[in-house]
N, C-alpha and C. Protein backbone atom coordinates (compact mmCIF):
# COMPACT_ATOMS: atom_id res chain seq x y z
N MET A 1 200.49 146.42 -27.67
CA MET A 1 200.04 145.04 -27.08
C MET A 1 199.78 145.60 -25.87
N ARG A 2 198.92 145.76 -25.21
CA ARG A 2 198.28 145.68 -23.84
C ARG A 2 198.46 145.00 -22.28
N ILE A 3 198.94 145.40 -21.79
CA ILE A 3 199.02 144.91 -20.67
C ILE A 3 197.86 144.60 -19.31
N PRO A 4 197.23 143.89 -19.21
CA PRO A 4 196.07 143.67 -18.71
C PRO A 4 196.95 144.38 -17.05
N SER A 5 195.33 144.94 -16.55
CA SER A 5 195.04 145.62 -15.94
C SER A 5 194.84 144.32 -14.05
N ALA A 6 194.96 144.93 -12.85
CA ALA A 6 194.96 143.84 -12.42
C ALA A 6 193.22 143.51 -12.03
N ARG A 7 192.23 144.55 -11.87
CA ARG A 7 190.80 144.33 -12.03
C ARG A 7 191.00 142.95 -13.46
N THR A 8 191.32 144.04 -14.73
CA THR A 8 190.72 142.09 -15.46
C THR A 8 191.67 141.35 -15.23
N LEU A 9 192.65 140.74 -14.41
CA LEU A 9 192.84 139.91 -13.92
C LEU A 9 192.46 138.67 -13.36
N LEU A 10 191.62 139.79 -12.46
CA LEU A 10 191.15 139.41 -11.14
C LEU A 10 189.61 138.90 -11.33
N LEU A 11 188.92 139.94 -12.88
CA LEU A 11 187.94 139.71 -13.22
C LEU A 11 187.98 138.70 -13.45
N GLY A 12 188.69 138.09 -14.12
CA GLY A 12 189.17 136.74 -14.68
C GLY A 12 189.01 135.07 -14.61
N ALA A 13 189.90 135.94 -13.11
CA ALA A 13 190.37 135.02 -11.74
C ALA A 13 188.90 134.25 -11.48
N ALA A 14 187.98 135.45 -11.02
CA ALA A 14 186.71 135.25 -10.77
C ALA A 14 185.89 134.26 -11.67
N ILE A 15 185.52 134.82 -12.67
CA ILE A 15 184.93 134.13 -13.72
C ILE A 15 185.25 131.99 -13.64
N ALA A 16 186.61 132.38 -14.26
CA ALA A 16 187.17 130.82 -14.05
C ALA A 16 187.12 130.10 -13.12
N SER A 17 187.12 130.66 -11.78
CA SER A 17 186.71 129.63 -10.80
C SER A 17 184.65 130.06 -10.54
N SER A 18 184.25 130.76 -10.81
CA SER A 18 182.82 130.34 -10.66
C SER A 18 182.24 129.49 -11.82
N VAL A 19 182.73 129.11 -13.19
CA VAL A 19 182.91 128.17 -13.84
C VAL A 19 183.66 126.38 -13.46
N GLY A 20 184.26 126.44 -12.95
CA GLY A 20 185.24 125.37 -12.29
C GLY A 20 183.75 125.19 -10.86
N ILE A 21 183.67 125.74 -10.36
CA ILE A 21 183.08 125.22 -9.07
C ILE A 21 181.49 125.06 -9.46
N GLY A 22 180.91 125.95 -10.46
CA GLY A 22 179.57 124.98 -11.08
C GLY A 22 179.82 124.04 -12.04
N TYR A 23 180.68 123.71 -12.12
CA TYR A 23 181.32 122.05 -12.95
C TYR A 23 181.27 121.05 -12.06
N ALA A 24 182.09 121.49 -10.92
CA ALA A 24 181.96 120.33 -9.55
C ALA A 24 180.34 121.00 -8.91
N ILE A 25 179.78 121.26 -8.88
CA ILE A 25 178.52 121.17 -8.68
C ILE A 25 177.38 120.68 -8.57
N GLY A 26 177.44 120.95 -10.82
CA GLY A 26 176.50 120.75 -11.74
C GLY A 26 177.27 118.58 -11.41
N ALA A 27 178.19 118.53 -11.58
CA ALA A 27 178.59 117.09 -12.69
C ALA A 27 179.66 116.13 -10.81
N GLN A 28 178.88 115.39 -10.92
CA GLN A 28 179.56 114.22 -10.12
C GLN A 28 180.02 113.33 -10.29
N PRO A 29 181.23 112.97 -10.71
CA PRO A 29 181.39 112.34 -11.45
C PRO A 29 182.00 110.62 -10.76
N HIS A 30 182.19 110.72 -9.51
CA HIS A 30 182.67 109.86 -8.44
C HIS A 30 181.15 109.59 -8.47
N MET A 31 180.21 110.67 -7.56
CA MET A 31 178.84 109.82 -7.45
C MET A 31 177.91 108.72 -8.21
N THR A 32 178.25 109.37 -9.11
CA THR A 32 177.71 108.50 -10.39
C THR A 32 178.09 107.69 -10.37
N GLU A 33 179.79 107.71 -10.43
CA GLU A 33 180.95 105.30 -11.15
C GLU A 33 180.02 105.39 -9.53
N THR A 34 179.58 105.69 -8.47
CA THR A 34 179.59 104.89 -7.00
C THR A 34 178.34 104.38 -7.38
N VAL A 35 177.43 104.85 -8.17
CA VAL A 35 176.18 104.30 -8.58
C VAL A 35 176.35 103.24 -9.35
N SER A 36 177.30 102.91 -10.29
CA SER A 36 177.90 102.13 -11.51
C SER A 36 178.80 101.21 -10.52
N LEU A 37 178.99 101.42 -9.55
CA LEU A 37 180.08 99.90 -8.85
C LEU A 37 178.85 99.57 -7.86
N LEU A 38 177.73 99.98 -7.42
CA LEU A 38 176.77 99.56 -6.92
C LEU A 38 176.06 98.79 -7.29
N GLU A 39 175.62 98.69 -8.63
CA GLU A 39 174.69 98.04 -9.75
C GLU A 39 175.31 97.00 -9.85
N THR A 40 176.95 97.23 -9.98
CA THR A 40 178.02 95.87 -10.23
C THR A 40 177.91 95.22 -9.20
N ALA A 41 177.97 95.48 -8.07
CA ALA A 41 178.54 94.59 -7.11
C ALA A 41 177.02 94.46 -6.68
N ARG A 42 175.66 94.67 -7.24
CA ARG A 42 174.10 93.64 -6.61
C ARG A 42 174.68 92.50 -8.08
N ILE A 43 174.50 92.98 -8.75
CA ILE A 43 174.29 91.71 -9.32
C ILE A 43 174.98 90.59 -9.28
N GLU A 44 176.70 91.04 -8.98
CA GLU A 44 177.43 89.57 -8.33
C GLU A 44 177.24 88.59 -7.30
N LEU A 45 176.49 89.85 -6.68
CA LEU A 45 176.02 89.60 -5.16
C LEU A 45 174.21 88.67 -5.72
N ALA A 46 173.48 88.78 -5.88
CA ALA A 46 172.02 88.69 -6.65
C ALA A 46 172.55 87.27 -7.13
N LYS A 47 173.62 87.17 -8.16
CA LYS A 47 174.52 85.88 -8.34
C LYS A 47 174.61 84.60 -7.71
N ALA A 48 174.88 84.66 -6.42
CA ALA A 48 175.47 84.23 -5.14
C ALA A 48 174.53 83.50 -4.37
N THR A 49 174.42 81.90 -4.65
CA THR A 49 174.30 81.28 -3.84
C THR A 49 172.91 81.96 -3.10
N PRO A 50 171.47 81.86 -2.31
CA PRO A 50 170.93 82.43 -1.07
C PRO A 50 171.01 81.30 -0.02
N ASN A 51 172.82 80.73 0.10
CA ASN A 51 172.57 79.76 1.55
C ASN A 51 173.99 80.31 2.58
N LYS A 52 173.79 81.59 3.29
CA LYS A 52 174.56 82.15 3.61
C LYS A 52 173.53 83.39 4.94
N GLY A 53 172.65 82.52 5.35
CA GLY A 53 171.72 82.94 6.37
C GLY A 53 170.97 84.23 6.64
N GLY A 54 170.61 84.30 5.59
CA GLY A 54 169.82 84.91 5.58
C GLY A 54 171.14 86.92 5.24
N HIS A 55 171.92 86.52 5.57
CA HIS A 55 173.18 87.60 5.17
C HIS A 55 172.72 88.64 3.56
N ARG A 56 173.42 87.64 2.72
CA ARG A 56 173.03 88.20 1.38
C ARG A 56 171.65 88.95 0.73
N GLU A 57 170.33 88.62 1.41
CA GLU A 57 169.40 88.94 1.27
C GLU A 57 169.71 90.72 1.46
N ARG A 58 170.50 90.47 3.51
CA ARG A 58 170.44 92.40 3.90
C ARG A 58 171.57 92.78 3.15
N ALA A 59 172.83 92.25 2.27
CA ALA A 59 173.85 93.23 1.86
C ALA A 59 173.47 93.71 0.86
N LEU A 60 171.76 92.76 -0.13
CA LEU A 60 170.96 93.24 -1.58
C LEU A 60 169.93 94.34 -0.66
N GLY A 61 169.47 94.45 -0.20
CA GLY A 61 168.95 95.47 0.98
C GLY A 61 169.38 96.65 0.69
N LEU A 62 170.46 96.62 2.11
CA LEU A 62 171.89 97.10 2.17
C LEU A 62 172.12 98.22 0.60
N ILE A 63 172.62 97.33 -0.30
CA ILE A 63 172.75 98.07 -1.42
C ILE A 63 171.72 98.64 -2.50
N ASP A 64 170.61 98.82 -1.78
CA ASP A 64 169.65 99.24 -2.71
C ASP A 64 169.61 100.32 -1.56
N GLN A 65 169.64 100.14 -0.82
CA GLN A 65 169.70 102.07 0.14
C GLN A 65 170.74 102.62 -0.23
N ALA A 66 171.69 102.04 -0.49
CA ALA A 66 173.36 102.55 -1.03
C ALA A 66 173.06 103.48 -2.18
N ILE A 67 172.55 102.51 -2.79
CA ILE A 67 172.13 103.06 -4.22
C ILE A 67 171.61 104.03 -4.65
N GLY A 68 170.42 104.35 -3.80
CA GLY A 68 169.01 105.27 -3.74
C GLY A 68 169.88 106.82 -2.69
N GLU A 69 170.41 106.52 -1.46
CA GLU A 69 171.04 106.94 -0.83
C GLU A 69 172.07 108.24 -1.99
N VAL A 70 172.78 107.61 -2.26
CA VAL A 70 173.98 108.43 -3.82
C VAL A 70 173.16 108.73 -4.56
N ARG A 71 172.28 107.94 -5.04
CA ARG A 71 171.26 109.37 -6.54
C ARG A 71 170.28 110.19 -5.40
N ALA A 72 170.50 110.18 -3.89
CA ALA A 72 169.21 111.67 -3.29
C ALA A 72 170.58 112.06 -3.24
N GLY A 73 171.88 111.79 -3.16
CA GLY A 73 173.22 113.04 -2.67
C GLY A 73 173.47 113.52 -4.10
N ILE A 74 173.36 112.79 -5.48
CA ILE A 74 172.98 113.56 -6.79
C ILE A 74 172.08 114.34 -6.55
N ALA A 75 170.80 113.84 -6.78
CA ALA A 75 169.77 115.01 -6.77
C ALA A 75 170.14 116.68 -5.86
N PHE A 76 170.24 116.17 -4.09
CA PHE A 76 170.56 117.48 -3.98
C PHE A 76 171.73 118.19 -4.36
N ALA A 77 172.80 117.78 -4.94
CA ALA A 77 173.63 118.95 -5.61
C ALA A 77 173.54 119.27 -6.41
N GLY A 78 172.56 119.16 -7.26
CA GLY A 78 171.61 119.50 -9.15
C GLY A 78 172.08 118.33 -9.95
N GLY A 79 172.80 117.66 -9.87
CA GLY A 79 173.38 117.44 -10.38
C GLY A 79 172.09 115.67 -11.44
């Protein structure tokens, strides 16, 4: 049975790290979940009666803006 050299261990660690970093860059689970949560919040807010002095409508616009920003962040990160 052969004992791996330090070079082999270092190479293995570098490969494992690069795979992990690639996953972290490509996959955006928190950002994707955020879009889902914002979309759910928008649906619920849209169901509310519009007697809020325009605040409900402004909040809907801000949620739309937030969804757009999160999606832009996902796209920027390559997801």
